[in-house]
Each structure stands twice: as structure tokens, then as C-alpha cells.
Amino acid sequence: MGGEVKTNEEWQNTQGFLRRLYSLQDDMNYLARGLKEEKKQQAETVITKFKKRVKEADKPAKAKDLEAISPFFAEISGYINNFLDLLTDVEGDLEMGDAR
């Protein structure tokens, strides 16, 4: 996370940040709808893992345990990067028409 989280307000901000991260799954699901089937399945796997780990990170955030929460952010960032990699160079992979 870069620095130390010391105050109650910083911990509350951390929990708010986790809630905003969790809401990214909706955008990720929307973007994945237009991918071809193989990439769509990969994206769904990444999104499921991302959502689970963000949700699990809330427990150490509530406990104000910086040591326990730090690894979550590295893993969560990895899922975001994996998802973005699936979107890179997808121009030829996007299905035309209504994305369902």
C-alpha cells in the first residue's frame, strides 16, 4: 500500500477503497461480454477471483491489520492487470453485434 495506515480515518478510507474496487467487477463483467468465448471465460475466472479477494481483504481492513492486508493489494492488482491484458489487442477478437 505504499505507506502506513495509522488513523481510523485512513482505515475507513481503505475500506471505502475496497468497496469501490469491488464495484469494478460490474464494469469488468460488462467489458467481458463482448469478448470471444475463450477470452470471455478467462475474464470470468479473473473477475471471480478478483471479487473474492477484494471481499476477503475487508476483514484485515476492519481489524486494522496492515501486515495482513498488504498481500491482498498485490494480488488484487495482479487480477486487474490480468484482466487488462485480456482487453489488449482485442479489436479482432470482439464479437460484432449485441454483446450478451
PDB file of N, CA and C in Angstrom:
ATOM      1  N   MET A   1       0.807  -1.183   0.000  1.00  0.00           N
ATOM      2  CA  MET A   1       0.000   0.000   0.000  1.00  0.00           C
ATOM      3  C   MET A   1       0.851   1.247   0.000  1.00  0.00           C
ATOM      4  N   GLY A   2       2.126   1.119   0.088  1.00  0.00           N
ATOM      5  CA  GLY A   2       2.989   2.273  -0.041  1.00  0.00           C
ATOM      6  C   GLY A   2       3.435   2.839   1.284  1.00  0.00           C
ATOM      7  N   GLY A   3       2.551   3.106   2.212  1.00  0.00           N
ATOM      8  CA  GLY A   3       2.908   3.692   3.492  1.00  0.00           C
ATOM      9  C   GLY A   3       2.171   2.989   4.599  1.00  0.00           C
ATOM     10  N   GLU A   4       2.188   3.632   5.732  1.00  0.00           N
ATOM     11  CA  GLU A   4       1.487   3.047   6.872  1.00  0.00           C
ATOM     12  C   GLU A   4       0.114   3.681   7.018  1.00  0.00           C
ATOM     13  N   VAL A   5      -0.836   2.869   7.355  1.00  0.00           N
ATOM     14  CA  VAL A   5      -2.182   3.335   7.658  1.00  0.00           C
ATOM     15  C   VAL A   5      -2.245   3.441   9.167  1.00  0.00           C
ATOM     16  N   LYS A   6      -2.419   4.668   9.668  1.00  0.00           N
ATOM     17  CA  LYS A   6      -2.302   4.879  11.110  1.00  0.00           C
ATOM     18  C   LYS A   6      -3.604   5.286  11.780  1.00  0.00           C
ATOM     19  N   THR A   7      -4.358   6.151  11.144  1.00  0.00           N
ATOM     20  CA  THR A   7      -5.535   6.692  11.812  1.00  0.00           C
ATOM     21  C   THR A   7      -6.795   5.911  11.457  1.00  0.00           C
ATOM     22  N   ASN A   8      -7.809   6.081  12.286  1.00  0.00           N
ATOM     23  CA  ASN A   8      -9.103   5.451  11.997  1.00  0.00           C
ATOM     24  C   ASN A   8      -9.652   5.926  10.658  1.00  0.00           C
ATOM     25  N   GLU A   9      -9.462   7.197  10.356  1.00  0.00           N
ATOM     26  CA  GLU A   9      -9.947   7.743   9.084  1.00  0.00           C
ATOM     27  C   GLU A   9      -9.245   7.057   7.900  1.00  0.00           C
ATOM     28  N   GLU A  10      -7.952   6.820   8.023  1.00  0.00           N
ATOM     29  CA  GLU A  10      -7.226   6.130   6.953  1.00  0.00           C
ATOM     30  C   GLU A  10      -7.741   4.705   6.772  1.00  0.00           C
ATOM     31  N   TRP A  11      -8.065   4.040   7.865  1.00  0.00           N
ATOM     32  CA  TRP A  11      -8.610   2.685   7.762  1.00  0.00           C
ATOM     33  C   TRP A  11     -10.004   2.719   7.151  1.00  0.00           C
ATOM     34  N   GLN A  12     -10.797   3.721   7.500  1.00  0.00           N
ATOM     35  CA  GLN A  12     -12.122   3.860   6.889  1.00  0.00           C
ATOM     36  C   GLN A  12     -11.990   4.127   5.398  1.00  0.00           C
ATOM     37  N   ASN A  13     -11.005   4.951   5.024  1.00  0.00           N
ATOM     38  CA  ASN A  13     -10.755   5.215   3.607  1.00  0.00           C
ATOM     39  C   ASN A  13     -10.317   3.941   2.885  1.00  0.00           C
ATOM     40  N   THR A  14      -9.550   3.109   3.565  1.00  0.00           N
ATOM     41  CA  THR A  14      -9.117   1.836   2.987  1.00  0.00           C
ATOM     42  C   THR A  14     -10.319   0.947   2.724  1.00  0.00           C
ATOM     43  N   GLN A  15     -11.245   0.887   3.672  1.00  0.00           N
ATOM     44  CA  GLN A  15     -12.456   0.089   3.481  1.00  0.00           C
ATOM     45  C   GLN A  15     -13.318   0.666   2.354  1.00  0.00           C
ATOM     46  N   GLY A  16     -13.381   1.982   2.257  1.00  0.00           N
ATOM     47  CA  GLY A  16     -14.111   2.617   1.152  1.00  0.00           C
ATOM     48  C   GLY A  16     -13.468   2.302  -0.192  1.00  0.00           C
ATOM     49  N   PHE A  17     -12.138   2.299  -0.206  1.00  0.00           N
ATOM     50  CA  PHE A  17     -11.406   1.953  -1.415  1.00  0.00           C
ATOM     51  C   PHE A  17     -11.717   0.521  -1.832  1.00  0.00           C
ATOM     52  N   LEU A  18     -11.776  -0.389  -0.871  1.00  0.00           N
ATOM     53  CA  LEU A  18     -12.102  -1.782  -1.174  1.00  0.00           C
ATOM     54  C   LEU A  18     -13.513  -1.907  -1.744  1.00  0.00           C
ATOM     55  N   ARG A  19     -14.448  -1.135  -1.213  1.00  0.00           N
ATOM     56  CA  ARG A  19     -15.815  -1.168  -1.741  1.00  0.00           C
ATOM     57  C   ARG A  19     -15.848  -0.670  -3.187  1.00  0.00           C
ATOM     58  N   ARG A  20     -15.079   0.385  -3.465  1.00  0.00           N
ATOM     59  CA  ARG A  20     -15.024   0.893  -4.843  1.00  0.00           C
ATOM     60  C   ARG A  20     -14.360  -0.127  -5.766  1.00  0.00           C
ATOM     61  N   LEU A  21     -13.313  -0.787  -5.269  1.00  0.00           N
ATOM     62  CA  LEU A  21     -12.674  -1.840  -6.057  1.00  0.00           C
ATOM     63  C   LEU A  21     -13.671  -2.949  -6.360  1.00  0.00           C
ATOM     64  N   TYR A  22     -14.432  -3.355  -5.352  1.00  0.00           N
ATOM     65  CA  TYR A  22     -15.407  -4.427  -5.520  1.00  0.00           C
ATOM     66  C   TYR A  22     -16.416  -4.066  -6.615  1.00  0.00           C
ATOM     67  N   SER A  23     -16.789  -2.799  -6.678  1.00  0.00           N
ATOM     68  CA  SER A  23     -17.772  -2.377  -7.681  1.00  0.00           C
ATOM     69  C   SER A  23     -17.202  -2.417  -9.096  1.00  0.00           C
ATOM     70  N   LEU A  24     -15.887  -2.488  -9.240  1.00  0.00           N
ATOM     71  CA  LEU A  24     -15.282  -2.609 -10.567  1.00  0.00           C
ATOM     72  C   LEU A  24     -15.697  -3.896 -11.268  1.00  0.00           C
ATOM     73  N   GLN A  25     -16.066  -4.900 -10.493  1.00  0.00           N
ATOM     74  CA  GLN A  25     -16.460  -6.167 -11.097  1.00  0.00           C
ATOM     75  C   GLN A  25     -17.626  -5.981 -12.061  1.00  0.00           C
ATOM     76  N   ASP A  26     -18.519  -5.029 -11.789  1.00  0.00           N
ATOM     77  CA  ASP A  26     -19.632  -4.771 -12.701  1.00  0.00           C
ATOM     78  C   ASP A  26     -19.120  -4.278 -14.051  1.00  0.00           C
ATOM     79  N   ASP A  27     -18.169  -3.359 -14.018  1.00  0.00           N
ATOM     80  CA  ASP A  27     -17.575  -2.848 -15.258  1.00  0.00           C
ATOM     81  C   ASP A  27     -16.798  -3.942 -15.980  1.00  0.00           C
ATOM     82  N   MET A  28     -16.086  -4.743 -15.205  1.00  0.00           N
ATOM     83  CA  MET A  28     -15.313  -5.831 -15.799  1.00  0.00           C
ATOM     84  C   MET A  28     -16.247  -6.825 -16.493  1.00  0.00           C
ATOM     85  N   ASN A  29     -17.350  -7.170 -15.846  1.00  0.00           N
ATOM     86  CA  ASN A  29     -18.326  -8.085 -16.446  1.00  0.00           C
ATOM     87  C   ASN A  29     -18.896  -7.500 -17.739  1.00  0.00           C
ATOM     88  N   TYR A  30     -19.180  -6.208 -17.723  1.00  0.00           N
ATOM     89  CA  TYR A  30     -19.729  -5.554 -18.913  1.00  0.00           C
ATOM     90  C   TYR A  30     -18.722  -5.616 -20.065  1.00  0.00           C
ATOM     91  N   LEU A  31     -17.477  -5.293 -19.779  1.00  0.00           N
ATOM     92  CA  LEU A  31     -16.452  -5.310 -20.816  1.00  0.00           C
ATOM     93  C   LEU A  31     -16.207  -6.724 -21.349  1.00  0.00           C
ATOM     94  N   ALA A  32     -16.291  -7.705 -20.473  1.00  0.00           N
ATOM     95  CA  ALA A  32     -16.031  -9.091 -20.875  1.00  0.00           C
ATOM     96  C   ALA A  32     -17.119  -9.641 -21.788  1.00  0.00           C
ATOM     97  N   ARG A  33     -18.298  -9.076 -21.734  1.00  0.00           N
ATOM     98  CA  ARG A  33     -19.410  -9.591 -22.543  1.00  0.00           C
ATOM     99  C   ARG A  33     -19.103  -9.577 -24.031  1.00  0.00           C
ATOM    100  N   GLY A  34     -18.304  -8.625 -24.488  1.00  0.00           N
ATOM    101  CA  GLY A  34     -18.019  -8.503 -25.909  1.00  0.00           C
ATOM    102  C   GLY A  34     -16.854  -9.355 -26.383  1.00  0.00           C
ATOM    103  N   LEU A  35     -16.197 -10.049 -25.488  1.00  0.00           N
ATOM    104  CA  LEU A  35     -15.052 -10.873 -25.874  1.00  0.00           C
ATOM    105  C   LEU A  35     -15.508 -12.186 -26.480  1.00  0.00           C
ATOM    106  N   LYS A  36     -14.648 -12.744 -27.312  1.00  0.00           N
ATOM    107  CA  LYS A  36     -14.933 -14.081 -27.838  1.00  0.00           C
ATOM    108  C   LYS A  36     -14.889 -15.066 -26.685  1.00  0.00           C
ATOM    109  N   GLU A  37     -15.492 -16.221 -26.896  1.00  0.00           N
ATOM    110  CA  GLU A  37     -15.760 -17.167 -25.811  1.00  0.00           C
ATOM    111  C   GLU A  37     -14.532 -17.530 -24.970  1.00  0.00           C
ATOM    112  N   GLU A  38     -13.405 -17.831 -25.589  1.00  0.00           N
ATOM    113  CA  GLU A  38     -12.225 -18.240 -24.818  1.00  0.00           C
ATOM    114  C   GLU A  38     -11.757 -17.132 -23.879  1.00  0.00           C
ATOM    115  N   LYS A  39     -11.652 -15.919 -24.416  1.00  0.00           N
ATOM    116  CA  LYS A  39     -11.226 -14.803 -23.572  1.00  0.00           C
ATOM    117  C   LYS A  39     -12.305 -14.442 -22.557  1.00  0.00           C
ATOM    118  N   LYS A  40     -13.556 -14.614 -22.925  1.00  0.00           N
ATOM    119  CA  LYS A  40     -14.658 -14.334 -22.006  1.00  0.00           C
ATOM    120  C   LYS A  40     -14.569 -15.256 -20.793  1.00  0.00           C
ATOM    121  N   GLN A  41     -14.289 -16.540 -21.033  1.00  0.00           N
ATOM    122  CA  GLN A  41     -14.162 -17.492 -19.929  1.00  0.00           C
ATOM    123  C   GLN A  41     -12.961 -17.141 -19.050  1.00  0.00           C
ATOM    124  N   GLN A  42     -11.856 -16.758 -19.672  1.00  0.00           N
ATOM    125  CA  GLN A  42     -10.687 -16.348 -18.896  1.00  0.00           C
ATOM    126  C   GLN A  42     -11.023 -15.119 -18.053  1.00  0.00           C
ATOM    127  N   ALA A  43     -11.721 -14.165 -18.659  1.00  0.00           N
ATOM    128  CA  ALA A  43     -12.107 -12.948 -17.941  1.00  0.00           C
ATOM    129  C   ALA A  43     -13.019 -13.282 -16.767  1.00  0.00           C
ATOM    130  N   GLU A  44     -13.962 -14.180 -16.966  1.00  0.00           N
ATOM    131  CA  GLU A  44     -14.877 -14.557 -15.884  1.00  0.00           C
ATOM    132  C   GLU A  44     -14.124 -15.182 -14.717  1.00  0.00           C
ATOM    133  N   THR A  45     -13.110 -15.978 -15.015  1.00  0.00           N
ATOM    134  CA  THR A  45     -12.281 -16.575 -13.960  1.00  0.00           C
ATOM    135  C   THR A  45     -11.538 -15.492 -13.188  1.00  0.00           C
ATOM    136  N   VAL A  46     -10.947 -14.557 -13.914  1.00  0.00           N
ATOM    137  CA  VAL A  46     -10.210 -13.458 -13.273  1.00  0.00           C
ATOM    138  C   VAL A  46     -11.159 -12.622 -12.413  1.00  0.00           C
ATOM    139  N   ILE A  47     -12.330 -12.309 -12.945  1.00  0.00           N
ATOM    140  CA  ILE A  47     -13.305 -11.485 -12.218  1.00  0.00           C
ATOM    141  C   ILE A  47     -13.756 -12.185 -10.941  1.00  0.00           C
ATOM    142  N   THR A  48     -14.004 -13.472 -11.016  1.00  0.00           N
ATOM    143  CA  THR A  48     -14.435 -14.233  -9.833  1.00  0.00           C
ATOM    144  C   THR A  48     -13.354 -14.196  -8.745  1.00  0.00           C
ATOM    145  N   LYS A  49     -12.121 -14.432  -9.130  1.00  0.00           N
ATOM    146  CA  LYS A  49     -11.018 -14.403  -8.160  1.00  0.00           C
ATOM    147  C   LYS A  49     -10.825 -13.004  -7.598  1.00  0.00           C
ATOM    148  N   PHE A  50     -10.902 -12.000  -8.478  1.00  0.00           N
ATOM    149  CA  PHE A  50     -10.759 -10.596  -8.072  1.00  0.00           C
ATOM    150  C   PHE A  50     -11.810 -10.239  -7.021  1.00  0.00           C
ATOM    151  N   LYS A  51     -13.062 -10.570  -7.327  1.00  0.00           N
ATOM    152  CA  LYS A  51     -14.175 -10.245  -6.431  1.00  0.00           C
ATOM    153  C   LYS A  51     -13.993 -10.913  -5.069  1.00  0.00           C
ATOM    154  N   LYS A  52     -13.595 -12.180  -5.091  1.00  0.00           N
ATOM    155  CA  LYS A  52     -13.418 -12.928  -3.845  1.00  0.00           C
ATOM    156  C   LYS A  52     -12.317 -12.315  -2.986  1.00  0.00           C
ATOM    157  N   ARG A  53     -11.193 -11.990  -3.595  1.00  0.00           N
ATOM    158  CA  ARG A  53     -10.059 -11.460  -2.820  1.00  0.00           C
ATOM    159  C   ARG A  53     -10.338 -10.051  -2.297  1.00  0.00           C
ATOM    160  N   VAL A  54     -11.031  -9.238  -3.080  1.00  0.00           N
ATOM    161  CA  VAL A  54     -11.387  -7.900  -2.588  1.00  0.00           C
ATOM    162  C   VAL A  54     -12.296  -8.030  -1.377  1.00  0.00           C
ATOM    163  N   LYS A  55     -13.256  -8.934  -1.465  1.00  0.00           N
ATOM    164  CA  LYS A  55     -14.185  -9.150  -0.343  1.00  0.00           C
ATOM    165  C   LYS A  55     -13.428  -9.649   0.890  1.00  0.00           C
ATOM    166  N   GLU A  56     -12.488 -10.575   0.691  1.00  0.00           N
ATOM    167  CA  GLU A  56     -11.711 -11.117   1.809  1.00  0.00           C
ATOM    168  C   GLU A  56     -10.784 -10.074   2.431  1.00  0.00           C
ATOM    169  N   ALA A  57     -10.364  -9.089   1.656  1.00  0.00           N
ATOM    170  CA  ALA A  57      -9.466  -8.049   2.160  1.00  0.00           C
ATOM    171  C   ALA A  57     -10.157  -7.146   3.180  1.00  0.00           C
ATOM    172  N   ASP A  58     -11.475  -7.149   3.182  1.00  0.00           N
ATOM    173  CA  ASP A  58     -12.203  -6.298   4.120  1.00  0.00           C
ATOM    174  C   ASP A  58     -11.965  -6.707   5.570  1.00  0.00           C
ATOM    175  N   LYS A  59     -11.781  -8.006   5.813  1.00  0.00           N
ATOM    176  CA  LYS A  59     -11.592  -8.483   7.187  1.00  0.00           C
ATOM    177  C   LYS A  59     -10.327  -7.900   7.827  1.00  0.00           C
ATOM    178  N   PRO A  60      -9.145  -7.975   7.189  1.00  0.00           N
ATOM    179  CA  PRO A  60      -7.977  -7.349   7.806  1.00  0.00           C
ATOM    180  C   PRO A  60      -8.078  -5.816   7.832  1.00  0.00           C
ATOM    181  N   ALA A  61      -8.834  -5.238   6.911  1.00  0.00           N
ATOM    182  CA  ALA A  61      -9.034  -3.787   6.945  1.00  0.00           C
ATOM    183  C   ALA A  61      -9.838  -3.395   8.181  1.00  0.00           C
ATOM    184  N   LYS A  62     -10.881  -4.165   8.479  1.00  0.00           N
ATOM    185  CA  LYS A  62     -11.677  -3.907   9.686  1.00  0.00           C
ATOM    186  C   LYS A  62     -10.841  -4.105  10.943  1.00  0.00           C
ATOM    187  N   ALA A  63      -9.921  -5.081  10.894  1.00  0.00           N
ATOM    188  CA  ALA A  63      -9.065  -5.371  12.044  1.00  0.00           C
ATOM    189  C   ALA A  63      -7.876  -4.420  12.128  1.00  0.00           C
ATOM    190  N   LYS A  64      -7.747  -3.543  11.131  1.00  0.00           N
ATOM    191  CA  LYS A  64      -6.638  -2.581  11.068  1.00  0.00           C
ATOM    192  C   LYS A  64      -5.288  -3.298  11.103  1.00  0.00           C
ATOM    193  N   ASP A  65      -5.198  -4.358  10.313  1.00  0.00           N
ATOM    194  CA  ASP A  65      -4.005  -5.196  10.276  1.00  0.00           C
ATOM    195  C   ASP A  65      -3.280  -4.983   8.946  1.00  0.00           C
ATOM    196  N   LEU A  66      -2.342  -4.041   8.954  1.00  0.00           N
ATOM    197  CA  LEU A  66      -1.620  -3.682   7.738  1.00  0.00           C
ATOM    198  C   LEU A  66      -0.817  -4.853   7.193  1.00  0.00           C
ATOM    199  N   GLU A  67      -0.203  -5.610   8.066  1.00  0.00           N
ATOM    200  CA  GLU A  67       0.607  -6.753   7.633  1.00  0.00           C
ATOM    201  C   GLU A  67      -0.250  -7.792   6.903  1.00  0.00           C
ATOM    202  N   ALA A  68      -1.459  -8.001   7.390  1.00  0.00           N
ATOM    203  CA  ALA A  68      -2.340  -8.999   6.781  1.00  0.00           C
ATOM    204  C   ALA A  68      -2.971  -8.499   5.486  1.00  0.00           C
ATOM    205  N   ILE A  69      -3.207  -7.204   5.383  1.00  0.00           N
ATOM    206  CA  ILE A  69      -3.903  -6.688   4.202  1.00  0.00           C
ATOM    207  C   ILE A  69      -2.957  -6.423   3.030  1.00  0.00           C
ATOM    208  N   SER A  70      -1.714  -6.143   3.289  1.00  0.00           N
ATOM    209  CA  SER A  70      -0.771  -5.775   2.217  1.00  0.00           C
ATOM    210  C   SER A  70      -0.697  -6.796   1.085  1.00  0.00           C
ATOM    211  N   PRO A  71      -0.597  -8.095   1.369  1.00  0.00           N
ATOM    212  CA  PRO A  71      -0.539  -9.064   0.262  1.00  0.00           C
ATOM    213  C   PRO A  71      -1.795  -9.068  -0.615  1.00  0.00           C
ATOM    214  N   PHE A  72      -2.923  -8.716  -0.037  1.00  0.00           N
ATOM    215  CA  PHE A  72      -4.152  -8.670  -0.819  1.00  0.00           C
ATOM    216  C   PHE A  72      -4.035  -7.660  -1.958  1.00  0.00           C
ATOM    217  N   PHE A  73      -3.443  -6.508  -1.676  1.00  0.00           N
ATOM    218  CA  PHE A  73      -3.370  -5.470  -2.692  1.00  0.00           C
ATOM    219  C   PHE A  73      -2.476  -5.883  -3.855  1.00  0.00           C
ATOM    220  N   ALA A  74      -1.397  -6.592  -3.575  1.00  0.00           N
ATOM    221  CA  ALA A  74      -0.536  -7.088  -4.649  1.00  0.00           C
ATOM    222  C   ALA A  74      -1.302  -8.092  -5.513  1.00  0.00           C
ATOM    223  N   GLU A  75      -2.036  -8.992  -4.879  1.00  0.00           N
ATOM    224  CA  GLU A  75      -2.799  -9.996  -5.617  1.00  0.00           C
ATOM    225  C   GLU A  75      -3.933  -9.357  -6.412  1.00  0.00           C
ATOM    226  N   ILE A  76      -4.648  -8.436  -5.799  1.00  0.00           N
ATOM    227  CA  ILE A  76      -5.756  -7.754  -6.463  1.00  0.00           C
ATOM    228  C   ILE A  76      -5.252  -6.966  -7.668  1.00  0.00           C
ATOM    229  N   SER A  77      -4.123  -6.303  -7.517  1.00  0.00           N
ATOM    230  CA  SER A  77      -3.526  -5.565  -8.640  1.00  0.00           C
ATOM    231  C   SER A  77      -3.191  -6.518  -9.784  1.00  0.00           C
ATOM    232  N   GLY A  78      -2.714  -7.706  -9.438  1.00  0.00           N
ATOM    233  CA  GLY A  78      -2.407  -8.704 -10.451  1.00  0.00           C
ATOM    234  C   GLY A  78      -3.645  -9.112 -11.241  1.00  0.00           C
ATOM    235  N   TYR A  79      -4.777  -9.270 -10.562  1.00  0.00           N
ATOM    236  CA  TYR A  79      -6.016  -9.620 -11.259  1.00  0.00           C
ATOM    237  C   TYR A  79      -6.463  -8.496 -12.196  1.00  0.00           C
ATOM    238  N   ILE A  80      -6.301  -7.258 -11.752  1.00  0.00           N
ATOM    239  CA  ILE A  80      -6.654  -6.123 -12.614  1.00  0.00           C
ATOM    240  C   ILE A  80      -5.762  -6.131 -13.853  1.00  0.00           C
ATOM    241  N   ASN A  81      -4.463  -6.352 -13.663  1.00  0.00           N
ATOM    242  CA  ASN A  81      -3.545  -6.409 -14.799  1.00  0.00           C
ATOM    243  C   ASN A  81      -3.870  -7.567 -15.727  1.00  0.00           C
ATOM    244  N   ASN A  82      -4.218  -8.726 -15.166  1.00  0.00           N
ATOM    245  CA  ASN A  82      -4.593  -9.878 -15.991  1.00  0.00           C
ATOM    246  C   ASN A  82      -5.823  -9.559 -16.839  1.00  0.00           C
ATOM    247  N   PHE A  83      -6.784  -8.895 -16.222  1.00  0.00           N
ATOM    248  CA  PHE A  83      -7.994  -8.531 -16.952  1.00  0.00           C
ATOM    249  C   PHE A  83      -7.672  -7.548 -18.076  1.00  0.00           C
ATOM    250  N   LEU A  84      -6.854  -6.550 -17.766  1.00  0.00           N
ATOM    251  CA  LEU A  84      -6.479  -5.575 -18.793  1.00  0.00           C
ATOM    252  C   LEU A  84      -5.716  -6.237 -19.935  1.00  0.00           C
ATOM    253  N   ASP A  85      -4.905  -7.232 -19.612  1.00  0.00           N
ATOM    254  CA  ASP A  85      -4.192  -7.973 -20.658  1.00  0.00           C
ATOM    255  C   ASP A  85      -5.174  -8.667 -21.605  1.00  0.00           C
ATOM    256  N   LEU A  86      -6.277  -9.154 -21.073  1.00  0.00           N
ATOM    257  CA  LEU A  86      -7.283  -9.795 -21.917  1.00  0.00           C
ATOM    258  C   LEU A  86      -7.937  -8.800 -22.868  1.00  0.00           C
ATOM    259  N   LEU A  87      -7.975  -7.530 -22.464  1.00  0.00           N
ATOM    260  CA  LEU A  87      -8.590  -6.499 -23.301  1.00  0.00           C
ATOM    261  C   LEU A  87      -7.616  -5.924 -24.319  1.00  0.00           C
ATOM    262  N   THR A  88      -6.322  -6.127 -24.117  1.00  0.00           N
ATOM    263  CA  THR A  88      -5.312  -5.591 -25.013  1.00  0.00           C
ATOM    264  C   THR A  88      -5.381  -6.312 -26.350  1.00  0.00           C
ATOM    265  N   ASP A  89      -5.328  -5.549 -27.407  1.00  0.00           N
ATOM    266  CA  ASP A  89      -5.346  -6.093 -28.766  1.00  0.00           C
ATOM    267  C   ASP A  89      -6.571  -6.964 -29.036  1.00  0.00           C
ATOM    268  N   VAL A  90      -7.716  -6.561 -28.546  1.00  0.00           N
ATOM    269  CA  VAL A  90      -8.931  -7.356 -28.751  1.00  0.00           C
ATOM    270  C   VAL A  90      -9.739  -6.892 -29.948  1.00  0.00           C
ATOM    271  N   GLU A  91      -9.239  -5.904 -30.664  1.00  0.00           N
ATOM    272  CA  GLU A  91     -10.013  -5.366 -31.780  1.00  0.00           C
ATOM    273  C   GLU A  91     -10.501  -6.478 -32.704  1.00  0.00           C
ATOM    274  N   GLY A  92      -9.634  -7.433 -33.031  1.00  0.00           N
ATOM    275  CA  GLY A  92     -10.034  -8.533 -33.890  1.00  0.00           C
ATOM    276  C   GLY A  92     -10.828  -9.594 -33.160  1.00  0.00           C
ATOM    277  N   ASP A  93     -10.781  -9.584 -31.833  1.00  0.00           N
ATOM    278  CA  ASP A  93     -11.467 -10.601 -31.043  1.00  0.00           C
ATOM    279  C   ASP A  93     -12.878 -10.226 -30.645  1.00  0.00           C
ATOM    280  N   LEU A  94     -13.193  -8.960 -30.691  1.00  0.00           N
ATOM    281  CA  LEU A  94     -14.528  -8.538 -30.271  1.00  0.00           C
ATOM    282  C   LEU A  94     -15.588  -9.065 -31.228  1.00  0.00           C
ATOM    283  N   GLU A  95     -16.643  -9.560 -30.652  1.00  0.00           N
ATOM    284  CA  GLU A  95     -17.742 -10.053 -31.459  1.00  0.00           C
ATOM    285  C   GLU A  95     -18.598  -8.871 -31.869  1.00  0.00           C
ATOM    286  N   MET A  96     -19.047  -8.907 -33.071  1.00  0.00           N
ATOM    287  CA  MET A  96     -19.889  -7.825 -33.585  1.00  0.00           C
ATOM    288  C   MET A  96     -21.328  -8.077 -33.152  1.00  0.00           C
ATOM    289  N   GLY A  97     -22.053  -7.006 -33.000  1.00  0.00           N
ATOM    290  CA  GLY A  97     -23.467  -7.162 -32.649  1.00  0.00           C
ATOM    291  C   GLY A  97     -23.703  -6.908 -31.188  1.00  0.00           C
ATOM    292  N   ASP A  98     -24.834  -7.356 -30.735  1.00  0.00           N
ATOM    293  CA  ASP A  98     -25.273  -7.141 -29.365  1.00  0.00           C
ATOM    294  C   ASP A  98     -24.469  -8.019 -28.420  1.00  0.00           C
ATOM    295  N   ALA A  99     -23.759  -7.386 -27.488  1.00  0.00           N
ATOM    296  CA  ALA A  99     -22.948  -8.143 -26.502  1.00  0.00           C
ATOM    297  C   ALA A  99     -23.865  -8.629 -25.392  1.00  0.00           C
ATOM    298  N   ARG A 100     -24.047  -9.926 -25.303  1.00  0.00           N
ATOM    299  CA  ARG A 100     -24.909 -10.502 -24.268  1.00  0.00           C
ATOM    300  C   ARG A 100     -24.132 -11.428 -23.428  1.00  0.00           C
TER     301      ARG A 100
END
